[in-house]
Amino acid sequence: MNMVFVLVLLSLALAGFAVWALIWAINKNQFDDLDSPAYSILDDDNEPNLPANKAKQETEE
């Protein structure tokens, strides 16, 4: 019976932490823009000094 009280208190503490984390995320504007970061991977990097491009240029010469 004592274990039930421990589990109830533990579940209430976990639920309280989850509510606090949700409120913190909302106040820190974590949910403002959910679509734009997903498209950032599609941006083309045209920098010639990237390490991969630099190694490719050296092998071509």
N, C-alpha and C. Protein backbone atom coordinates (compact mmCIF):
# COMPACT_ATOMS: atom_id res chain seq x y z
N MET A 1 0.82 -1.20 0.00
CA MET A 1 0.00 0.00 0.00
C MET A 1 0.87 1.26 0.00
N ASN A 2 1.99 1.19 0.68
CA ASN A 2 2.88 2.35 0.70
C ASN A 2 3.45 2.64 -0.68
N MET A 3 3.64 1.59 -1.50
CA MET A 3 4.18 1.78 -2.84
C MET A 3 3.20 2.55 -3.71
N VAL A 4 1.90 2.40 -3.48
CA VAL A 4 0.89 3.14 -4.24
C VAL A 4 1.04 4.63 -3.98
N PHE A 5 1.27 5.00 -2.74
CA PHE A 5 1.46 6.42 -2.42
C PHE A 5 2.71 6.98 -3.08
N VAL A 6 3.76 6.20 -3.10
CA VAL A 6 5.01 6.63 -3.74
C VAL A 6 4.79 6.81 -5.23
N LEU A 7 4.09 5.86 -5.86
CA LEU A 7 3.85 5.95 -7.31
C LEU A 7 2.91 7.11 -7.64
N VAL A 8 1.92 7.37 -6.81
CA VAL A 8 1.02 8.50 -7.05
C VAL A 8 1.80 9.80 -6.93
N LEU A 9 2.62 9.94 -5.91
CA LEU A 9 3.42 11.16 -5.75
C LEU A 9 4.41 11.32 -6.90
N LEU A 10 5.01 10.22 -7.33
CA LEU A 10 5.95 10.28 -8.44
C LEU A 10 5.25 10.68 -9.74
N SER A 11 4.06 10.14 -9.99
CA SER A 11 3.32 10.49 -11.20
C SER A 11 2.85 11.95 -11.16
N LEU A 12 2.47 12.43 -9.98
CA LEU A 12 2.09 13.84 -9.87
C LEU A 12 3.28 14.76 -10.10
N ALA A 13 4.44 14.38 -9.60
CA ALA A 13 5.64 15.18 -9.83
C ALA A 13 6.01 15.18 -11.31
N LEU A 14 5.90 14.04 -11.96
CA LEU A 14 6.21 13.96 -13.39
C LEU A 14 5.23 14.77 -14.22
N ALA A 15 3.96 14.71 -13.88
CA ALA A 15 2.95 15.50 -14.58
C ALA A 15 3.18 16.99 -14.35
N GLY A 16 3.54 17.37 -13.14
CA GLY A 16 3.84 18.77 -12.85
C GLY A 16 5.03 19.26 -13.64
N PHE A 17 6.06 18.42 -13.76
CA PHE A 17 7.23 18.79 -14.56
C PHE A 17 6.85 18.95 -16.03
N ALA A 18 6.00 18.07 -16.54
CA ALA A 18 5.58 18.14 -17.94
C ALA A 18 4.78 19.42 -18.20
N VAL A 19 3.91 19.79 -17.29
CA VAL A 19 3.14 21.04 -17.43
C VAL A 19 4.07 22.24 -17.37
N TRP A 20 5.03 22.21 -16.46
CA TRP A 20 6.00 23.32 -16.36
C TRP A 20 6.82 23.43 -17.64
N ALA A 21 7.26 22.30 -18.20
CA ALA A 21 8.06 22.32 -19.43
C ALA A 21 7.24 22.86 -20.59
N LEU A 22 5.97 22.51 -20.67
CA LEU A 22 5.10 23.02 -21.74
C LEU A 22 4.91 24.53 -21.61
N ILE A 23 4.64 25.00 -20.41
CA ILE A 23 4.47 26.44 -20.19
C ILE A 23 5.76 27.18 -20.49
N TRP A 24 6.90 26.63 -20.09
CA TRP A 24 8.19 27.26 -20.38
C TRP A 24 8.40 27.37 -21.88
N ALA A 25 8.11 26.30 -22.62
CA ALA A 25 8.30 26.31 -24.07
C ALA A 25 7.38 27.31 -24.75
N ILE A 26 6.18 27.42 -24.26
CA ILE A 26 5.25 28.40 -24.85
C ILE A 26 5.72 29.81 -24.57
N ASN A 27 6.19 30.08 -23.36
CA ASN A 27 6.66 31.43 -23.02
C ASN A 27 7.95 31.80 -23.74
N LYS A 28 8.78 30.81 -24.10
CA LYS A 28 10.03 31.08 -24.80
C LYS A 28 9.85 31.04 -26.32
N ASN A 29 8.59 31.02 -26.79
CA ASN A 29 8.25 31.06 -28.22
C ASN A 29 8.85 29.90 -29.01
N GLN A 30 8.85 28.71 -28.44
CA GLN A 30 9.39 27.54 -29.13
C GLN A 30 8.45 27.04 -30.21
N PHE A 31 7.19 27.39 -30.16
CA PHE A 31 6.20 26.88 -31.10
C PHE A 31 5.74 27.93 -32.10
N ASP A 32 6.48 29.02 -32.27
CA ASP A 32 6.04 30.09 -33.15
C ASP A 32 6.12 29.71 -34.62
N ASP A 33 7.26 29.21 -35.07
CA ASP A 33 7.46 28.91 -36.48
C ASP A 33 7.89 27.46 -36.62
N LEU A 34 6.95 26.60 -36.97
CA LEU A 34 7.25 25.18 -37.05
C LEU A 34 7.58 24.72 -38.47
N ASP A 35 7.31 25.57 -39.49
CA ASP A 35 7.50 25.13 -40.87
C ASP A 35 8.83 25.56 -41.47
N SER A 36 9.29 26.76 -41.18
CA SER A 36 10.51 27.28 -41.83
C SER A 36 11.77 26.48 -41.53
N PRO A 37 12.02 26.03 -40.30
CA PRO A 37 13.25 25.26 -40.06
C PRO A 37 13.32 23.96 -40.88
N ALA A 38 12.19 23.38 -41.22
CA ALA A 38 12.21 22.15 -42.01
C ALA A 38 12.69 22.41 -43.43
N TYR A 39 12.47 23.61 -43.94
CA TYR A 39 12.89 23.93 -45.30
C TYR A 39 14.34 24.40 -45.38
N SER A 40 14.97 24.65 -44.25
CA SER A 40 16.35 25.17 -44.28
C SER A 40 17.33 24.14 -44.82
N ILE A 41 16.99 22.86 -44.75
CA ILE A 41 17.89 21.83 -45.26
C ILE A 41 17.92 21.86 -46.79
N LEU A 42 16.92 22.46 -47.41
CA LEU A 42 16.86 22.52 -48.86
C LEU A 42 17.63 23.70 -49.43
N ASP A 43 18.09 24.61 -48.59
CA ASP A 43 18.85 25.76 -49.07
C ASP A 43 20.16 25.30 -49.67
N ASP A 44 20.53 25.93 -50.77
CA ASP A 44 21.76 25.57 -51.46
C ASP A 44 22.92 26.39 -50.90
N ASP A 45 24.00 25.72 -50.57
CA ASP A 45 25.20 26.40 -50.08
C ASP A 45 26.15 26.58 -51.25
N ASN A 46 26.39 27.80 -51.63
CA ASN A 46 27.26 28.09 -52.76
C ASN A 46 28.61 28.65 -52.32
N GLU A 47 29.06 28.24 -51.16
CA GLU A 47 30.33 28.75 -50.66
C GLU A 47 31.47 27.89 -51.20
N PRO A 48 32.42 28.46 -51.91
CA PRO A 48 33.50 27.65 -52.48
C PRO A 48 34.53 27.18 -51.46
N ASN A 49 34.53 27.73 -50.25
CA ASN A 49 35.56 27.39 -49.27
C ASN A 49 35.13 26.30 -48.30
N LEU A 50 34.05 25.62 -48.61
CA LEU A 50 33.64 24.52 -47.76
C LEU A 50 34.66 23.39 -47.89
N PRO A 51 34.92 22.64 -46.85
CA PRO A 51 35.95 21.58 -46.91
C PRO A 51 35.69 20.54 -48.01
N ALA A 52 34.44 20.16 -48.26
CA ALA A 52 34.15 19.17 -49.29
C ALA A 52 34.45 19.75 -50.67
N ASN A 53 34.07 21.00 -50.90
CA ASN A 53 34.33 21.63 -52.20
C ASN A 53 35.82 21.86 -52.39
N LYS A 54 36.52 22.19 -51.32
CA LYS A 54 37.95 22.45 -51.41
C LYS A 54 38.71 21.17 -51.79
N ALA A 55 38.33 20.05 -51.19
CA ALA A 55 38.98 18.78 -51.52
C ALA A 55 38.66 18.37 -52.94
N LYS A 56 37.44 18.63 -53.39
CA LYS A 56 37.05 18.29 -54.74
C LYS A 56 37.82 19.13 -55.76
N GLN A 57 38.02 20.42 -55.46
CA GLN A 57 38.76 21.30 -56.36
C GLN A 57 40.22 20.89 -56.46
N GLU A 58 40.82 20.42 -55.35
CA GLU A 58 42.21 20.00 -55.37
C GLU A 58 42.42 18.75 -56.21
N THR A 59 41.44 17.84 -56.18
CA THR A 59 41.57 16.62 -56.96
C THR A 59 41.34 16.88 -58.44
N GLU A 60 40.57 17.90 -58.78
CA GLU A 60 40.30 18.23 -60.17
C GLU A 60 41.49 18.91 -60.83
N GLU A 61 42.33 19.57 -60.06
CA GLU A 61 43.44 20.34 -60.63
C GLU A 61 44.56 19.48 -60.99
